[in-house]
Protein backbone atom coordinates (compact mmCIF):
# COMPACT_ATOMS: atom_id res chain seq x y z
CA UNK A 1 -24.13 7.28 4.86
CA UNK A 2 -21.92 5.67 2.50
CA UNK A 3 -24.18 5.40 -0.75
CA UNK A 4 -24.30 2.78 -2.91
CA UNK A 5 -24.30 2.47 -7.00
CA UNK A 6 -24.71 -0.56 -9.06
CA UNK A 7 -21.25 -2.30 -9.47
CA UNK A 8 -21.36 -2.24 -13.17
CA UNK A 9 -23.05 -5.47 -14.97
CA UNK A 10 -22.82 -7.34 -11.93
CA UNK A 11 -26.01 -6.81 -10.19
CA UNK A 12 -24.65 -5.99 -6.95
CA UNK A 13 -25.06 -2.48 -5.35
CA UNK A 14 -21.64 -2.16 -3.70
CA UNK A 15 -21.18 0.70 -1.36
CA UNK A 16 -18.96 3.82 -3.23
CA UNK A 17 -15.74 2.64 -0.95
CA UNK A 18 -14.62 -0.65 -1.17
CA UNK A 19 -12.25 -2.05 1.53
CA UNK A 20 -8.49 -2.11 0.06
CA UNK A 21 -7.12 -5.68 1.70
CA UNK A 22 -3.79 -4.42 1.71
CA UNK A 23 -4.53 -2.47 5.03
CA UNK A 24 -3.86 -6.14 6.40
CA UNK A 25 -1.19 -7.18 4.98
CA UNK A 26 0.92 -7.16 8.38
CA UNK A 27 -2.46 -7.56 10.52
CA UNK A 28 -2.63 -10.15 13.79
CA UNK A 29 -6.14 -11.46 13.43
CA UNK A 30 -7.18 -9.28 16.42
CA UNK A 31 -6.82 -6.18 14.41
CA UNK A 32 -8.15 -7.63 11.33
CA UNK A 33 -11.27 -8.27 13.60
CA UNK A 34 -11.40 -4.55 14.74
CA UNK A 35 -11.56 -3.57 11.06
CA UNK A 36 -14.20 -5.83 10.34
CA UNK A 37 -16.49 -4.19 13.02
CA UNK A 38 -15.60 -1.12 11.38
CA UNK A 39 -16.76 -2.12 7.92
CA UNK A 40 -19.85 -3.42 9.26
CA UNK A 41 -20.48 -0.16 11.46
CA UNK A 42 -20.03 1.78 8.05
CA UNK A 43 -21.95 -0.41 5.99
CA UNK A 44 -19.39 -1.44 3.75
CA UNK A 45 -20.19 -4.39 1.72
CA UNK A 46 -17.29 -4.87 -0.67
CA UNK A 47 -13.95 -6.10 -0.19
CA UNK A 48 -10.89 -6.04 -2.47
CA UNK A 49 -7.91 -7.95 -1.22
CA UNK A 50 -4.84 -10.01 -2.87
CA UNK A 51 -2.55 -13.08 -2.68
CA UNK A 52 0.42 -10.62 -2.63
CA UNK A 53 -1.41 -8.66 0.46
CA UNK A 54 0.35 -10.71 3.16
CA UNK A 55 -1.83 -12.04 5.98
CA UNK A 56 -5.05 -10.13 4.42
CA UNK A 57 -6.95 -13.35 2.51
CA UNK A 58 -6.15 -15.39 5.62
CA UNK A 59 -7.60 -12.70 8.03
CA UNK A 60 -10.59 -12.04 5.67
CA UNK A 61 -11.19 -15.80 5.77
CA UNK A 62 -11.75 -16.17 9.06
CA UNK A 63 -14.94 -13.66 8.72
CA UNK A 64 -16.42 -15.31 6.19
CA UNK A 65 -18.33 -18.42 7.93
CA UNK A 66 -20.44 -15.78 9.57
CA UNK A 67 -20.22 -12.86 7.18
CA UNK A 68 -19.82 -14.14 3.55
CA UNK A 69 -23.31 -12.70 2.74
CA UNK A 70 -22.23 -9.11 4.25
CA UNK A 71 -19.77 -8.95 1.23
CA UNK A 72 -19.20 -8.89 -2.25
CA UNK A 73 -15.68 -10.54 -2.12
CA UNK A 74 -13.01 -9.48 -4.99
CA UNK A 75 -9.28 -11.01 -4.79
CA UNK A 76 -6.46 -11.16 -7.64
CA UNK A 77 -3.55 -13.11 -9.62
CA UNK A 78 -0.50 -11.85 -10.53
CA UNK A 79 0.40 -14.86 -12.14
CA UNK A 80 0.55 -15.04 -15.94
CA UNK A 81 0.20 -18.39 -17.14
CA UNK A 82 -2.93 -20.75 -16.47
CA UNK A 83 -1.47 -23.26 -14.42
CA UNK A 84 0.28 -20.85 -11.91
CA UNK A 85 -3.19 -18.67 -11.77
CA UNK A 86 -5.24 -21.66 -11.54
CA UNK A 87 -2.62 -22.77 -8.45
CA UNK A 88 -3.10 -19.30 -7.01
CA UNK A 89 -6.72 -19.26 -7.30
CA UNK A 90 -7.09 -22.87 -5.39
CA UNK A 91 -5.08 -20.88 -2.67
CA UNK A 92 -6.87 -17.79 -2.49
CA UNK A 93 -10.54 -19.98 -2.30
CA UNK A 94 -8.77 -21.78 0.60
CA UNK A 95 -7.40 -19.04 2.45
CA UNK A 96 -10.54 -16.76 2.13
CA UNK A 97 -12.53 -19.99 3.39
CA UNK A 98 -15.17 -19.84 0.60
CA UNK A 99 -16.36 -21.87 -2.44
CA UNK A 100 -16.89 -18.84 -4.67
CA UNK A 101 -15.40 -15.47 -5.37
CA UNK A 102 -17.10 -12.79 -6.50
CA UNK A 103 -14.69 -11.19 -8.69
CA UNK A 104 -11.34 -12.38 -9.76
CA UNK A 105 -8.56 -9.76 -11.17
CA UNK A 106 -5.47 -10.12 -13.25
CA UNK A 107 -3.62 -8.31 -10.72
CA UNK A 108 -1.11 -5.41 -12.23
CA UNK A 109 -1.59 -5.97 -15.72
CA UNK A 110 0.85 -3.56 -17.15
CA UNK A 111 3.79 -4.91 -18.37
CA UNK A 112 3.04 -5.37 -22.16
CA UNK A 113 5.52 -8.51 -22.24
CA UNK A 114 3.34 -10.27 -19.02
CA UNK A 115 0.37 -9.27 -20.89
CA UNK A 116 1.01 -10.85 -24.15
CA UNK A 117 1.92 -13.83 -21.97
CA UNK A 118 -1.29 -13.20 -20.03
CA UNK A 119 -3.50 -13.23 -22.87
CA UNK A 120 -1.87 -15.81 -25.25
CA UNK A 121 -2.14 -19.49 -25.20
CA UNK A 122 -1.77 -20.90 -22.12
CA UNK A 123 -2.09 -17.72 -20.54
CA UNK A 124 -3.90 -16.74 -17.25
CA UNK A 125 -6.86 -15.50 -18.92
CA UNK A 126 -7.54 -19.01 -19.82
CA UNK A 127 -7.61 -19.77 -16.06
CA UNK A 128 -9.92 -16.87 -15.31
CA UNK A 129 -12.63 -17.81 -18.44
CA UNK A 130 -12.64 -21.44 -17.17
CA UNK A 131 -12.84 -20.52 -13.22
CA UNK A 132 -16.09 -18.49 -13.92
CA UNK A 133 -17.58 -21.08 -16.17
CA UNK A 134 -16.88 -23.68 -13.27
CA UNK A 135 -18.72 -21.36 -10.83
CA UNK A 136 -15.53 -20.67 -8.95
CA UNK A 137 -15.61 -17.20 -9.68
CA UNK A 138 -18.72 -15.27 -11.01
CA UNK A 139 -16.92 -12.14 -12.84
CA UNK A 140 -13.72 -10.99 -14.07
CA UNK A 141 -11.33 -7.78 -14.09
CA UNK A 142 -8.46 -6.52 -14.45
CA UNK A 143 -5.98 -4.08 -12.40
CA UNK A 144 -3.02 -1.94 -12.43
CA UNK A 145 -0.77 1.36 -11.55
CA UNK A 146 1.25 3.62 -13.29
CA UNK A 147 1.13 6.34 -16.13
CA UNK A 148 0.40 3.79 -18.76
CA UNK A 149 -2.38 1.79 -16.91
CA UNK A 150 -5.73 3.76 -18.64
CA UNK A 151 -3.88 2.97 -22.05
CA UNK A 152 -3.38 -0.64 -20.95
CA UNK A 153 -6.72 -1.30 -19.60
CA UNK A 154 -8.49 -0.11 -23.16
CA UNK A 155 -6.17 -2.67 -24.81
CA UNK A 156 -7.22 -5.22 -22.22
CA UNK A 157 -10.86 -4.58 -22.72
CA UNK A 158 -9.99 -4.59 -26.59
CA UNK A 159 -9.24 -8.23 -26.28
CA UNK A 160 -11.69 -9.46 -23.64
CA UNK A 161 -15.02 -8.09 -22.28
CA UNK A 162 -14.10 -7.63 -18.29
CA UNK A 163 -16.61 -6.73 -15.81
CA UNK A 164 -14.16 -4.30 -13.85
CA UNK A 165 -11.07 -2.22 -13.92
CA UNK A 166 -9.19 -0.78 -11.43
CA UNK A 167 -6.45 2.01 -11.47
CA UNK A 168 -5.04 5.08 -9.69
CA UNK A 169 -7.03 8.33 -9.78
CA UNK A 170 -6.72 11.44 -7.93
CA UNK A 171 -6.35 15.13 -8.33
CA UNK A 172 -2.69 15.46 -9.09
CA UNK A 173 -2.60 12.73 -11.56
CA UNK A 174 -5.28 13.96 -13.47
CA UNK A 175 -3.27 17.19 -14.32
CA UNK A 176 -1.27 15.33 -16.42
CA UNK A 177 -3.09 16.03 -19.68
CA UNK A 178 -1.46 12.49 -21.10
CA UNK A 179 -2.86 10.38 -17.92
CA UNK A 180 -6.27 12.59 -18.16
CA UNK A 181 -6.86 12.10 -21.65
CA UNK A 182 -6.07 8.36 -21.29
CA UNK A 183 -8.41 7.98 -18.12
CA UNK A 184 -11.25 10.01 -19.64
CA UNK A 185 -11.16 7.46 -22.43
CA UNK A 186 -11.14 4.59 -20.39
CA UNK A 187 -13.86 6.09 -18.27
CA UNK A 188 -16.18 6.64 -21.59
CA UNK A 189 -15.78 2.93 -22.46
CA UNK A 190 -16.42 1.64 -19.03
CA UNK A 191 -19.63 3.55 -18.95
CA UNK A 192 -20.69 2.16 -22.88
CA UNK A 193 -19.93 -1.16 -21.84
CA UNK A 194 -21.35 -1.20 -18.38
CA UNK A 195 -17.81 -2.23 -16.94
CA UNK A 196 -17.25 -1.18 -12.85
CA UNK A 197 -14.89 1.11 -12.67
CA UNK A 198 -12.60 1.27 -9.59
CA UNK A 199 -10.03 3.73 -8.33
CA UNK A 200 -7.01 4.06 -5.79
CA UNK A 201 -4.40 6.32 -4.37
CA UNK A 202 -6.83 9.02 -3.89
CA UNK A 203 -5.19 10.59 -0.50
CA UNK A 204 -1.58 9.94 -1.93
CA UNK A 205 0.70 13.00 -1.18
CA UNK A 206 3.68 11.97 -2.73
CA UNK A 207 6.56 9.27 -3.53
CA UNK A 208 8.31 7.13 -1.13
CA UNK A 209 11.71 9.22 -0.56
CA UNK A 210 13.59 6.68 0.63
CA UNK A 211 13.08 7.41 4.75
CA UNK A 212 11.10 4.99 6.96
CA UNK A 213 7.49 4.89 5.94
CA UNK A 214 5.13 5.82 8.50
CA UNK A 215 2.16 3.91 7.01
CA UNK A 216 1.50 0.91 5.24
CA UNK A 217 0.39 2.65 1.99
CA UNK A 218 1.64 1.24 -1.08
CA UNK A 219 4.41 3.01 -3.46
CA UNK A 220 3.57 6.45 -1.68
CA UNK A 221 2.95 8.30 1.61
CA UNK A 222 -0.10 9.46 2.28
CA UNK A 223 -2.04 12.51 3.75
CA UNK A 224 -2.68 12.41 7.17
CA UNK A 225 -5.31 15.49 8.25
CA UNK A 226 -9.01 14.82 8.07
CA UNK A 227 -9.43 18.09 5.94
CA UNK A 228 -7.20 17.16 3.53
CA UNK A 229 -8.21 13.74 3.24
CA UNK A 230 -11.74 14.70 2.98
CA UNK A 231 -10.89 17.09 -0.02
CA UNK A 232 -8.92 14.30 -1.95
CA UNK A 233 -11.37 11.72 -1.06
CA UNK A 234 -14.55 13.80 -2.01
CA UNK A 235 -12.64 14.88 -5.44
CA UNK A 236 -12.08 11.32 -6.03
CA UNK A 237 -15.74 10.32 -5.31
CA UNK A 238 -16.81 13.42 -7.70
CA UNK A 239 -16.44 10.60 -10.52
CA UNK A 240 -20.20 9.69 -10.93
CA UNK A 241 -20.73 5.47 -11.32
CA UNK A 242 -17.16 5.16 -9.88
CA UNK A 243 -15.86 3.19 -6.65
CA UNK A 244 -13.01 4.22 -4.37
CA UNK A 245 -10.49 1.95 -2.80
CA UNK A 246 -10.13 2.46 0.72
CA UNK A 247 -6.15 3.25 1.39
CA UNK A 248 -3.54 0.49 2.47
CA UNK A 249 -3.56 1.33 6.32
CA UNK A 250 -5.62 0.64 9.14
CA UNK A 251 -4.93 4.05 11.09
CA UNK A 252 -6.08 6.01 8.36
CA UNK A 253 -8.77 3.50 7.60
CA UNK A 254 -11.21 5.64 9.97
CA UNK A 255 -10.71 8.97 8.50
CA UNK A 256 -11.38 7.75 4.91
CA UNK A 257 -14.54 5.97 5.85
CA UNK A 258 -15.67 9.39 7.65
CA UNK A 259 -14.67 11.15 4.96
CA UNK A 260 -16.77 8.88 2.53
CA UNK A 261 -19.53 8.90 5.01
CA UNK A 262 -19.96 12.81 4.82
CA UNK A 263 -19.81 12.81 0.66
CA UNK A 264 -21.76 15.61 -0.98
CA UNK A 265 -19.94 16.71 -3.56
CA UNK A 266 -16.70 17.25 -5.39
CA UNK A 267 -14.41 20.13 -4.24
CA UNK A 268 -14.18 23.03 -6.89
CA UNK A 269 -10.75 23.65 -8.31
CA UNK A 270 -10.08 26.36 -6.32
CA UNK A 271 -10.40 24.32 -3.05
CA UNK A 272 -7.98 21.51 -4.59
CA UNK A 273 -5.21 24.06 -5.76
CA UNK A 274 -5.16 25.36 -2.08
CA UNK A 275 -4.72 22.00 -0.74
CA UNK A 276 -2.40 20.62 -3.25
CA UNK A 277 -0.13 23.83 -2.30
CA UNK A 278 -0.43 23.70 1.52
CA UNK A 279 0.30 19.72 1.86
CA UNK A 280 2.88 20.13 -1.14
CA UNK A 281 1.04 17.10 -2.44
CA UNK A 282 3.12 15.71 -5.61
CA UNK A 283 1.90 13.23 -8.41
CA UNK A 284 3.29 9.70 -7.21
CA UNK A 285 3.81 8.29 -11.18
CA UNK A 286 6.41 11.08 -12.25
CA UNK A 287 7.10 11.01 -16.09
CA UNK A 288 10.43 9.69 -16.75
CA UNK A 289 12.37 12.04 -19.58
CA UNK A 290 12.62 10.02 -23.29
CA UNK A 291 15.80 7.92 -23.43
CA UNK A 292 18.62 8.29 -25.60
CA UNK A 293 20.70 5.45 -27.16
CA UNK A 294 24.18 4.97 -26.13
CA UNK A 295 25.85 4.89 -22.73
CA UNK A 296 25.46 6.86 -19.91
CA UNK A 297 22.58 8.30 -17.16
CA UNK A 298 20.01 9.15 -19.88
CA UNK A 299 20.32 6.02 -21.48
CA UNK A 300 17.88 3.00 -20.78
CA UNK A 301 20.67 1.42 -18.95
CA UNK A 302 21.52 4.48 -16.94
CA UNK A 303 17.51 4.91 -16.09
CA UNK A 304 17.08 1.41 -15.08
CA UNK A 305 20.02 1.54 -12.85
CA UNK A 306 19.22 4.75 -11.29
CA UNK A 307 15.52 3.29 -10.68
CA UNK A 308 16.93 -0.25 -9.29
CA UNK A 309 18.84 2.42 -6.96
CA UNK A 310 15.89 3.88 -5.64
CA UNK A 311 13.83 0.70 -5.07
CA UNK A 312 16.50 -0.35 -2.61
CA UNK A 313 16.77 3.06 -1.10
CA UNK A 314 12.88 3.09 -0.63
CA UNK A 315 12.89 -0.47 0.81
CA UNK A 316 11.09 -2.37 -1.69
CA UNK A 317 13.49 -5.49 -1.40
CA UNK A 318 12.81 -5.40 2.37
CA UNK A 319 12.92 -8.68 4.07
CA UNK A 320 10.61 -10.58 4.08
CA UNK A 321 8.67 -9.11 0.97
CA UNK A 322 11.22 -11.16 -1.68
CA UNK A 323 10.74 -9.89 -5.11
CA UNK A 324 10.98 -11.82 -8.32
CA UNK A 325 12.09 -10.31 -11.35
CA UNK A 326 8.77 -10.04 -12.49
CA UNK A 327 8.04 -7.87 -9.09
CA UNK A 328 10.72 -5.86 -10.18
CA UNK A 329 9.71 -5.33 -13.67
CA UNK A 330 6.61 -4.00 -12.66
CA UNK A 331 8.28 -1.54 -10.31
CA UNK A 332 10.42 -0.45 -12.83
CA UNK A 333 7.25 0.36 -15.31
CA UNK A 334 5.72 2.16 -12.28
CA UNK A 335 8.67 4.32 -12.45
CA UNK A 336 8.33 5.10 -16.67
CA UNK A 337 11.19 2.31 -17.41
CA UNK A 338 10.09 0.20 -20.59
CA UNK A 339 10.92 -3.29 -19.63
CA UNK A 340 9.86 -5.21 -22.27
CA UNK A 341 12.28 -7.45 -23.56
CA UNK A 342 14.73 -6.55 -20.92
CA UNK A 343 14.19 -9.06 -19.08
CA UNK A 344 17.89 -10.48 -19.21
CA UNK A 345 19.48 -7.19 -18.69
CA UNK A 346 17.13 -6.63 -15.43
CA UNK A 347 18.39 -10.09 -14.51
CA UNK A 348 22.03 -9.25 -14.87
CA UNK A 349 21.66 -5.73 -12.80
CA UNK A 350 20.24 -7.49 -10.00
CA UNK A 351 22.82 -10.40 -10.06
CA UNK A 352 25.73 -7.48 -10.25
CA UNK A 353 23.95 -6.01 -7.07
CA UNK A 354 24.05 -9.37 -5.29
CA UNK A 355 27.75 -9.61 -5.90
CA UNK A 356 28.34 -6.29 -4.61
CA UNK A 357 26.38 -7.29 -1.44
CA UNK A 358 23.40 -4.64 -1.88
CA UNK A 359 21.11 -7.42 -2.32
CA UNK A 360 20.71 -11.24 -1.50
CA UNK A 361 19.59 -13.97 -3.60
CA UNK A 362 17.90 -17.44 -3.58
CA UNK A 363 16.60 -20.13 -6.11
CA UNK A 364 12.95 -21.39 -5.79
CA UNK A 365 11.23 -23.65 -7.90
CA UNK A 366 9.69 -20.55 -9.68
CA UNK A 367 12.99 -19.18 -10.23
CA UNK A 368 15.29 -16.58 -8.51
CA UNK A 369 14.18 -14.29 -5.70
CA UNK A 370 15.76 -11.27 -4.02
CA UNK A 371 15.60 -9.17 -0.94
CA UNK A 372 17.46 -6.82 1.51
CA UNK A 373 17.80 -7.67 5.54
């Protein structure tokens, strides 16, 4: 039986496993319906999705007429202005086929420049507060990826009293002293304020390495065997008063739910070291060395150029997942490349790759988008 805990101050007793809607990003409705049946079978009562998750909101919306009362429903906005975020919300309400969303979250808020825009006058935070005040949403949260996300979430909680946070948490990542210190500080703040703490990337094995991905997981290749998934998922679930988002792949979902269903206690450090060695598990957000001024591969420009090449190899720009400069900046941040004040440099580098035939681009009403076939 999957345990339930109070989801922060919301008054909702959520299952400690939350269904990650990214798994439905490429799903047909028939596949999504099978996923719903599985969630109901295991008693999962909390869904997390986002507009960027392809087909997910639309697939989930088809369930809501019959099953709205069965789920605490969360979605997000990656928009950084009031106007864009408000438009995003109306679209999500329509696609999800609901009048109210339980939790609306600022998606991937880790870029300092984007953070300032979001939190400032005319920023997306104003849309979140207004949506809550008008009853379109009940609670507000913030999410993010990368090494800097615990510190950024602390910064966000200092600015606004969010009801939830979401960020990566797994055994290898917590062996990084800097990440662990920031995460533990954030966890302590969440406990003090009764803010719901959601974690993800529990069963990540290593970063994408440029080859064809076997699974639909985001930024990483996952563990596959039930034994390994048990160890890593149980370790993450060992963090008391936290909630774990399922891996974003329908093939892996039964294994993650099965692991959660049998959770009793966190594996020992000896057990974890053994599975890390056996499966060759790596950190998915490796730190980048300090950059130097001047020219060459160790400068910011050199590091950024190398990171862009990696994104191309990893399939980040694969059609139909067209990317805006904001998407690219967020992906660079995840690779440890600071992008604050570097928007023009990034745009110029992208344009250069268009000239070389590496990328394609076109202009939309909101700006340039880039992709590869």
